[in-house]
Each structure stands twice: as C-alpha cells, then as structure tokens.
Amino acid sequence: DLVTVVQSASQIADGPNRDASLVAALRICRRELEAAEAESAAAKLRLSEAEETFNCAAELLAGGTPSTLWDSTAGRGSKNKRKRGGEGLRSGMDAYWRRAKARMSSSSPGTDNQSASAVFSITAAVPVPTNPIHMPPSYIADQSRDALMTPSMVADHREKFYQKLLGVSAADADIYTPNLNQANLRSKAQLVEGIYIVRHWDTGTEDYDAAAFRSKHKTWYTKMKPLSHSMGRRTGIHLRTVEPRQMEGGEGETVLCRYNRDGTKSIVYLDICQLYDALFEVHCLEHDHQRGKDAAKLRVDELYANIPDSQVKLFVDTCPVCIEQRKAQQQEVWLR
C-alpha cells in the first residue's frame, strides 16, 4: 500500500532517516506511476482495437460490405470516442449490435461463420484496380531527349535536386536511408520491406501467424484498410505486377501501390532514386518546361503515390531552363 509506505516514512522521528525513507517512498511511487501509465496506454490500445473489430463484425452481420465498412465507421476516431466517454462508446456499439441481431434472426444457419470469415479477409475483399502501372524510365544524362537541356545540364540539375532534397549527392542517393517519419521518401530497401509486409498481411509467415505478424507490423493497420475518402490518402495499399519493359526479358516486377484520390486507379510508390526521372519526364519532356508546378503536380498525382508539392516545387525551382526563362521574363519587365 503506497499510502502506508509514505505514512510510515513520515512518522520517523530522526530527520536524516525520515528524509531517506521519504526519498525511498517517492521512488516506489514513481515506479508504480510509470507502471500504471504503461498499463493505461496498453488498455487504450486494446480498447480501440477491440471496438474496431467489434464494429467490423457487427456491421458485416448487419448487412454491410467490406468495401463500405470503413466508411461506416469513419469519423469516429479514438479521440472522439474518448471525449464521449464510456456511455457514448457503449451506445455506439449497441447500435451495431441491434442491427446485427436483427439480421441474424432472419438469416439461415451458417451466417455467423461466413461473416466471421469476411472480417479476416477484409483487405482481400476489395477489388484491386487493373489500370496500367507507369514506371518512369531512367533518363541517363546523355540520353535525356530534352532539346533544351544538354547532358551536362541534366547531370548538374540531378545533382542539385538531390543535394537540396536529401543533403547527399545524386551518386549516393541509392545508399541513402530516409527517416521513417518522412512519409513521402522511401529507399528501395524500404519499399521491398513494404512489399513483404503486404504480401504476408493475410497469411503470416513461417515464424508468425497472421495475427502475430500484424501485431509485429501494427503501424500498417491503417495503411491496409480499404480506401475511404475520410480515412486519408495512405489507405488501401496493395501490390501490383509491372510487366517487363519492351526488349527486356525476365519476370514482371512486384511494386507497392495505393489507390488514387477517387479510388479508381492504382498509383505506384517510387524509391528516392526514381524521383528525379519521374519529375524530369513530366516537367521537361511532357510539358516541355512550358507549364508550372501546379500542372506538374496534377500529372504526377495521376501516376505516382508519393511525390508531394515540395518535391515538385524543388524540381521546378532548380530546373536550369526554367531559371533562365524567369530571368528573361524579369529583364523584359525591367526594360518596359
């Protein structure tokens, strides 16, 4: 009993011994407080996961479909649940349960097992788009095909882009490992790890069953949910196979994808070494340096999953052709 420990220490008559006993009591209290905080955090996580699973199962039993399941629970995040308190949480779960019981009462035997299976195969139930996946070609400096940029200009631009983006030279970009907090920057190895996680999400591995594997990679729970407009743009991650390029042999390449904004197409994640080539193809070749950052951003969003505004802006701002065009425009203004 912590109270007894503190009271016993406070009743010691000798000053130094009393202080020493109180310090010891404080240490015990601190350990108990840290343990309680850890248990509280774990309990909140279990509550969130249990409620989410309950709602999934109940909504499926009540007639929901996997493709709309997350939409039905969107907007009721853990913060809102905690604000409403236990009564509001229980009320929300009861609403699902009433609908589930009504459906169960009119269903044929075996419905329970069918619905339970649907919960565990929810990620596989959403159809994967079949649109072609576009991978940016590798534009080597002497094969850039840009009439406005010489090979040396392309090489210098590539170097400036990676120096400003990563703080390393273009030659070292392939060995650079981005921080995981940088959501839009991924190395080739990090994307390969993502492919491994998605591939085994529903099956597990030899060392982990599906539940243990998901627990090991629990930060992927949101990413693996089917697309929902209210869940954010990094949901519905899935795998696609890209056919070998023309004149290239071998098997197709497995790539990591997510849905586009309206959920109709797959768009591919690029590693950091592919970023320059992707932006070069759009801004320099497709748009011929004649259209700005907004047009380039719209185009890359149609093709790729992880090129934000900041990267598009950096590419255009460091483009040597665009720099000269801006200087010429400024000189025209000065001469007027």
Protein backbone atom coordinates (compact mmCIF):
# COMPACT_ATOMS: atom_id res chain seq x y z
CA ASP A 1 0.00 0.00 0.00
CA LEU A 2 1.65 3.24 -1.16
CA VAL A 3 -0.17 5.34 1.44
CA THR A 4 1.14 3.14 4.25
CA VAL A 5 4.70 3.41 2.89
CA VAL A 6 4.54 7.22 2.87
CA GLN A 7 2.87 7.43 6.29
CA SER A 8 5.46 5.12 7.85
CA ALA A 9 8.30 7.22 6.44
CA SER A 10 6.74 10.48 7.65
CA GLN A 11 6.46 9.19 11.22
CA ILE A 12 10.18 8.57 11.66
CA ALA A 13 11.50 10.97 14.28
CA ASP A 14 15.12 11.14 13.16
CA GLY A 15 15.42 13.81 10.48
CA PRO A 16 18.02 12.22 8.14
CA ASN A 17 16.40 8.78 8.38
CA ARG A 18 12.98 10.32 7.78
CA ASP A 19 14.20 12.11 4.64
CA ALA A 20 15.92 8.98 3.35
CA SER A 21 12.75 6.95 3.93
CA LEU A 22 10.62 9.55 2.12
CA VAL A 23 13.02 9.52 -0.86
CA ALA A 24 12.73 5.73 -0.98
CA ALA A 25 8.94 6.05 -0.81
CA LEU A 26 9.00 8.56 -3.68
CA ARG A 27 10.96 6.12 -5.80
CA ILE A 28 8.45 3.37 -5.12
CA CYS A 29 5.59 5.72 -6.01
CA ARG A 30 7.32 6.76 -9.22
CA ARG A 31 7.77 3.12 -10.29
CA GLU A 32 4.12 2.42 -9.58
CA LEU A 33 3.08 5.53 -11.54
CA GLU A 34 5.17 4.55 -14.57
CA ALA A 35 3.74 1.03 -14.48
CA ALA A 36 0.19 2.39 -14.25
CA GLU A 37 0.77 4.76 -17.19
CA ALA A 38 2.10 1.88 -19.31
CA GLU A 39 -0.90 -0.27 -18.42
CA SER A 40 -3.25 2.61 -19.25
CA ALA A 41 -1.69 3.12 -22.69
CA ALA A 42 -1.90 -0.61 -23.42
CA ALA A 43 -5.51 -0.71 -22.27
CA LYS A 44 -6.45 2.21 -24.53
CA LEU A 45 -4.86 0.46 -27.50
CA ARG A 46 -6.69 -2.79 -26.70
CA LEU A 47 -9.96 -0.87 -26.32
CA SER A 48 -9.52 0.84 -29.69
CA GLU A 49 -8.65 -2.40 -31.49
CA ALA A 50 -11.44 -4.36 -29.77
CA GLU A 51 -14.06 -1.74 -30.59
CA GLU A 52 -12.91 -1.54 -34.20
CA THR A 53 -13.09 -5.32 -34.59
CA PHE A 54 -16.48 -5.44 -32.86
CA ASN A 55 -17.85 -2.80 -35.22
CA CYS A 56 -16.46 -4.64 -38.24
CA ALA A 57 -18.07 -7.92 -37.28
CA ALA A 58 -21.39 -6.36 -36.25
CA GLU A 59 -21.63 -4.23 -39.40
CA LEU A 60 -20.91 -7.25 -41.60
CA LEU A 61 -23.61 -9.20 -39.80
CA ALA A 62 -25.97 -6.25 -40.18
CA GLY A 63 -25.58 -6.26 -43.95
CA GLY A 64 -22.53 -4.09 -44.56
CA THR A 65 -19.99 -4.97 -47.23
CA PRO A 66 -16.20 -4.87 -46.85
CA SER A 67 -15.86 -2.09 -49.44
CA THR A 68 -18.08 0.27 -47.40
CA LEU A 69 -17.24 -1.00 -43.94
CA TRP A 70 -14.60 1.57 -43.08
CA ASP A 71 -16.77 4.40 -44.44
CA SER A 72 -19.46 3.42 -41.93
CA THR A 73 -17.04 3.78 -39.01
CA ALA A 74 -15.14 6.81 -40.35
CA GLY A 75 -15.28 9.99 -38.35
CA ARG A 76 -15.50 8.16 -35.04
CA GLY A 77 -11.79 8.12 -34.24
CA SER A 78 -10.30 7.25 -30.88
CA LYS A 79 -10.14 10.91 -29.80
CA ASN A 80 -13.88 11.36 -30.34
CA LYS A 81 -14.58 8.11 -28.55
CA ARG A 82 -12.65 9.16 -25.50
CA LYS A 83 -14.40 12.53 -25.44
CA ARG A 84 -17.81 10.87 -25.44
CA GLY A 85 -16.83 8.60 -22.57
CA GLY A 86 -17.80 5.01 -21.83
CA GLU A 87 -21.56 5.58 -22.10
CA GLY A 88 -21.31 7.03 -25.61
CA LEU A 89 -18.96 4.24 -26.66
CA ARG A 90 -21.27 1.56 -25.37
CA SER A 91 -24.24 3.23 -27.05
CA GLY A 92 -22.46 3.29 -30.41
CA MET A 93 -21.54 -0.40 -30.12
CA ASP A 94 -25.09 -1.29 -29.07
CA ALA A 95 -26.45 0.34 -32.23
CA TYR A 96 -24.32 -2.01 -34.33
CA TRP A 97 -25.30 -4.98 -32.19
CA ARG A 98 -29.05 -4.32 -32.56
CA ARG A 99 -28.70 -4.24 -36.34
CA ALA A 100 -26.61 -7.42 -36.25
CA LYS A 101 -29.14 -9.33 -34.11
CA ALA A 102 -31.98 -8.28 -36.42
CA ARG A 103 -30.12 -9.67 -39.40
CA MET A 104 -29.06 -12.84 -37.58
CA SER A 105 -32.64 -13.61 -36.61
CA SER A 106 -33.67 -13.73 -40.27
CA SER A 107 -30.53 -15.43 -41.60
CA SER A 108 -30.03 -19.06 -42.36
CA PRO A 109 -27.66 -21.24 -40.29
CA GLY A 110 -24.00 -20.65 -41.01
CA THR A 111 -24.27 -16.87 -41.28
CA ASP A 112 -22.08 -16.39 -38.22
CA ASN A 113 -19.21 -18.38 -39.71
CA GLN A 114 -19.49 -16.65 -43.09
CA SER A 115 -19.43 -13.19 -41.52
CA ALA A 116 -16.51 -14.06 -39.27
CA SER A 117 -14.53 -15.19 -42.31
CA ALA A 118 -15.31 -11.92 -44.03
CA VAL A 119 -13.77 -9.94 -41.17
CA PHE A 120 -10.42 -11.67 -41.52
CA SER A 121 -10.37 -11.42 -45.32
CA ILE A 122 -11.48 -7.80 -45.42
CA THR A 123 -8.37 -6.49 -47.14
CA ALA A 124 -8.60 -9.11 -49.87
CA ALA A 125 -12.30 -8.43 -50.49
CA VAL A 126 -11.72 -5.04 -52.11
CA PRO A 127 -11.01 -5.37 -55.84
CA VAL A 128 -7.60 -4.14 -56.96
CA PRO A 129 -7.69 -1.78 -59.97
CA THR A 130 -6.38 -3.13 -63.26
CA ASN A 131 -5.12 0.08 -64.84
CA PRO A 132 -1.59 0.00 -66.31
CA ILE A 133 1.15 0.99 -63.85
CA HIS A 134 3.57 3.61 -65.17
CA MET A 135 7.20 3.36 -64.09
CA PRO A 136 9.45 6.29 -65.03
CA PRO A 137 12.28 5.40 -67.43
CA SER A 138 15.82 6.03 -66.28
CA TYR A 139 16.96 9.18 -68.05
CA ILE A 140 20.72 8.92 -68.30
CA ALA A 141 22.31 12.32 -68.93
CA ASP A 142 23.43 11.61 -72.50
CA GLN A 143 20.03 10.12 -73.41
CA SER A 144 17.74 12.73 -71.84
CA ARG A 145 15.96 13.58 -75.13
CA ASP A 146 15.35 17.10 -73.86
CA ALA A 147 16.20 19.53 -76.66
CA LEU A 148 16.55 22.40 -74.17
CA MET A 149 18.96 20.66 -71.79
CA THR A 150 22.43 19.37 -72.63
CA PRO A 151 23.69 16.20 -70.94
CA SER A 152 25.81 18.28 -68.56
CA MET A 153 22.79 20.42 -67.64
CA VAL A 154 20.79 17.29 -66.82
CA ALA A 155 23.60 15.92 -64.68
CA ASP A 156 24.04 19.23 -62.84
CA HIS A 157 20.29 19.54 -62.28
CA ARG A 158 20.05 16.00 -60.91
CA GLU A 159 22.90 16.76 -58.52
CA LYS A 160 21.30 19.99 -57.26
CA PHE A 161 17.93 18.28 -56.82
CA TYR A 162 19.30 15.52 -54.59
CA GLN A 163 21.63 17.83 -52.70
CA LYS A 164 18.70 20.05 -51.71
CA LEU A 165 16.26 17.18 -51.15
CA LEU A 166 18.46 14.73 -49.23
CA GLY A 167 21.68 16.56 -48.48
CA VAL A 168 23.68 13.95 -50.41
CA SER A 169 25.00 13.71 -53.95
CA ALA A 170 22.96 12.03 -56.67
CA ALA A 171 25.54 9.23 -56.78
CA ASP A 172 24.85 8.43 -53.11
CA ALA A 173 21.05 8.57 -53.31
CA ASP A 174 20.85 4.80 -53.72
CA ILE A 175 22.52 4.22 -50.33
CA TYR A 176 20.59 6.95 -48.50
CA THR A 177 18.06 5.70 -45.94
CA PRO A 178 15.24 8.18 -45.26
CA ASN A 179 13.80 8.59 -41.79
CA LEU A 180 10.51 6.68 -41.50
CA ASN A 181 8.85 9.91 -40.36
CA GLN A 182 9.44 11.28 -43.87
CA ALA A 183 6.32 9.65 -45.28
CA ASN A 184 6.99 10.53 -48.92
CA LEU A 185 10.62 9.42 -49.06
CA ARG A 186 11.44 5.74 -49.27
CA SER A 187 14.56 3.87 -50.28
CA LYS A 188 14.41 0.80 -52.48
CA ALA A 189 15.02 -1.40 -49.43
CA GLN A 190 12.16 0.23 -47.52
CA LEU A 191 9.75 -0.38 -50.40
CA VAL A 192 10.89 -4.01 -50.60
CA GLU A 193 10.12 -4.33 -46.88
CA GLY A 194 6.66 -2.83 -47.52
CA ILE A 195 6.03 -5.38 -50.27
CA TYR A 196 6.98 -8.16 -47.85
CA ILE A 197 4.55 -6.86 -45.21
CA VAL A 198 1.63 -6.53 -47.64
CA ARG A 199 2.31 -9.94 -49.18
CA HIS A 200 2.13 -11.68 -45.78
CA TRP A 201 -0.53 -9.48 -44.14
CA ASP A 202 -3.33 -12.05 -44.51
CA THR A 203 -1.25 -15.21 -44.34
CA GLY A 204 1.55 -14.62 -41.86
CA THR A 205 4.94 -16.31 -42.23
CA GLU A 206 6.62 -19.48 -41.05
CA ASP A 207 7.60 -17.72 -37.83
CA TYR A 208 4.39 -15.73 -37.21
CA ASP A 209 0.73 -16.49 -37.78
CA ALA A 210 -1.38 -13.72 -39.35
CA ALA A 211 -2.36 -12.16 -36.01
CA ALA A 212 1.21 -12.14 -34.66
CA PHE A 213 2.56 -10.82 -37.97
CA ARG A 214 0.07 -7.92 -37.93
CA SER A 215 0.92 -7.17 -34.33
CA LYS A 216 4.61 -7.05 -35.26
CA HIS A 217 3.82 -4.53 -38.02
CA LYS A 218 0.92 -2.76 -36.29
CA THR A 219 1.77 0.63 -37.83
CA TRP A 220 0.41 -0.81 -41.10
CA TYR A 221 -3.14 -1.35 -39.83
CA THR A 222 -4.41 1.96 -41.22
CA LYS A 223 -2.45 1.59 -44.45
CA MET A 224 -4.00 -1.80 -45.13
CA LYS A 225 -7.60 -0.65 -44.68
CA PRO A 226 -9.68 -0.41 -47.84
CA LEU A 227 -9.81 3.03 -49.37
CA SER A 228 -12.10 5.54 -47.70
CA HIS A 229 -12.24 9.22 -48.59
CA SER A 230 -12.41 10.10 -44.89
CA MET A 231 -9.56 7.81 -43.84
CA GLY A 232 -6.77 9.73 -45.59
CA ARG A 233 -4.79 9.09 -48.71
CA ARG A 234 -2.44 6.42 -47.38
CA THR A 235 -5.02 3.66 -47.09
CA GLY A 236 -5.75 0.73 -49.36
CA ILE A 237 -2.11 -0.20 -50.00
CA HIS A 238 -1.80 -3.21 -52.30
CA LEU A 239 0.59 -4.96 -54.69
CA ARG A 240 0.67 -4.93 -58.48
CA THR A 241 2.91 -6.60 -61.02
CA VAL A 242 4.58 -4.46 -63.68
CA GLU A 243 5.36 -6.23 -66.91
CA PRO A 244 8.98 -6.09 -68.14
CA ARG A 245 9.74 -3.20 -70.45
CA GLN A 246 9.80 -3.84 -74.17
CA MET A 247 13.04 -5.53 -75.26
CA GLU A 248 13.71 -6.57 -71.66
CA GLY A 249 13.41 -10.17 -70.59
CA GLY A 250 12.70 -11.68 -67.22
CA GLU A 251 9.67 -11.74 -64.97
CA GLY A 252 7.42 -8.86 -64.06
CA GLU A 253 8.32 -6.68 -61.08
CA THR A 254 6.13 -6.53 -57.97
CA VAL A 255 5.54 -2.93 -56.86
CA LEU A 256 3.86 -1.27 -53.88
CA CYS A 257 0.75 0.77 -54.77
CA ARG A 258 -2.16 2.63 -53.24
CA TYR A 259 -5.42 3.94 -54.64
CA ASN A 260 -5.66 7.38 -56.24
CA ARG A 261 -7.90 10.06 -54.75
CA ASP A 262 -11.18 8.71 -56.16
CA GLY A 263 -10.29 5.06 -55.60
CA THR A 264 -10.44 4.04 -59.25
CA LYS A 265 -6.77 3.51 -60.08
CA SER A 266 -3.58 2.10 -58.63
CA ILE A 267 -0.67 4.52 -58.36
CA VAL A 268 2.82 3.31 -57.58
CA TYR A 269 5.26 4.23 -54.83
CA LEU A 270 8.68 5.34 -56.13
CA ASP A 271 12.01 4.99 -54.38
CA ILE A 272 14.17 8.08 -53.96
CA CYS A 273 16.35 7.23 -56.96
CA GLN A 274 13.30 7.32 -59.25
CA LEU A 275 12.05 10.74 -58.14
CA TYR A 276 14.21 12.82 -60.48
CA ASP A 277 13.39 10.67 -63.52
CA ALA A 278 9.65 10.84 -62.78
CA LEU A 279 9.67 14.63 -62.48
CA PHE A 280 12.02 15.00 -65.47
CA GLU A 281 9.64 13.02 -67.65
CA VAL A 282 6.64 15.15 -66.67
CA HIS A 283 8.07 18.65 -66.48
CA CYS A 284 10.85 18.53 -69.08
CA LEU A 285 9.52 16.08 -71.66
CA GLU A 286 5.73 16.05 -71.42
CA HIS A 287 5.30 19.74 -70.54
CA ASP A 288 8.44 20.96 -72.35
CA HIS A 289 9.21 23.39 -69.49
CA GLN A 290 6.13 25.39 -70.50
CA ARG A 291 3.84 24.58 -67.62
CA GLY A 292 4.40 25.28 -63.95
CA LYS A 293 4.41 23.46 -60.65
CA ASP A 294 0.63 23.06 -60.39
CA ALA A 295 0.34 21.31 -63.74
CA ALA A 296 3.26 19.04 -62.91
CA LYS A 297 1.73 18.17 -59.55
CA LEU A 298 -1.60 17.24 -61.15
CA ARG A 299 0.17 14.96 -63.59
CA VAL A 300 2.40 13.16 -61.07
CA ASP A 301 -0.64 12.59 -58.83
CA GLU A 302 -2.18 10.63 -61.70
CA LEU A 303 0.81 8.30 -61.83
CA TYR A 304 2.63 8.16 -58.51
CA ALA A 305 1.77 7.73 -54.84
CA ASN A 306 4.45 9.70 -53.01
CA ILE A 307 5.52 12.89 -54.79
CA PRO A 308 4.34 15.87 -52.71
CA ASP A 309 4.16 19.55 -53.64
CA SER A 310 7.53 20.27 -52.02
CA GLN A 311 9.38 17.88 -54.34
CA VAL A 312 7.67 19.23 -57.44
CA LYS A 313 8.49 22.79 -56.38
CA LEU A 314 12.11 21.88 -55.70
CA PHE A 315 12.48 20.30 -59.15
CA VAL A 316 10.99 23.28 -61.00
CA ASP A 317 12.84 25.84 -58.89
CA THR A 318 16.19 24.18 -59.67
CA CYS A 319 15.43 23.49 -63.36
CA PRO A 320 18.11 25.41 -65.35
CA VAL A 321 15.79 26.06 -68.29
CA CYS A 322 13.08 27.50 -66.04
CA ILE A 323 15.66 29.62 -64.20
CA GLU A 324 16.77 31.18 -67.48
CA GLN A 325 13.16 31.71 -68.54
CA ARG A 326 12.40 33.50 -65.28
CA LYS A 327 15.48 35.71 -65.70
CA ALA A 328 14.41 36.60 -69.24
CA GLN A 329 10.92 37.50 -68.04
CA GLN A 330 12.36 39.73 -65.31
CA GLN A 331 14.59 41.51 -67.82
CA GLU A 332 11.59 42.16 -70.06
CA VAL A 333 9.78 43.73 -67.12
CA TRP A 334 12.77 45.94 -66.29
CA LEU A 335 13.06 47.11 -69.91
CA ARG A 336 9.44 48.25 -70.09
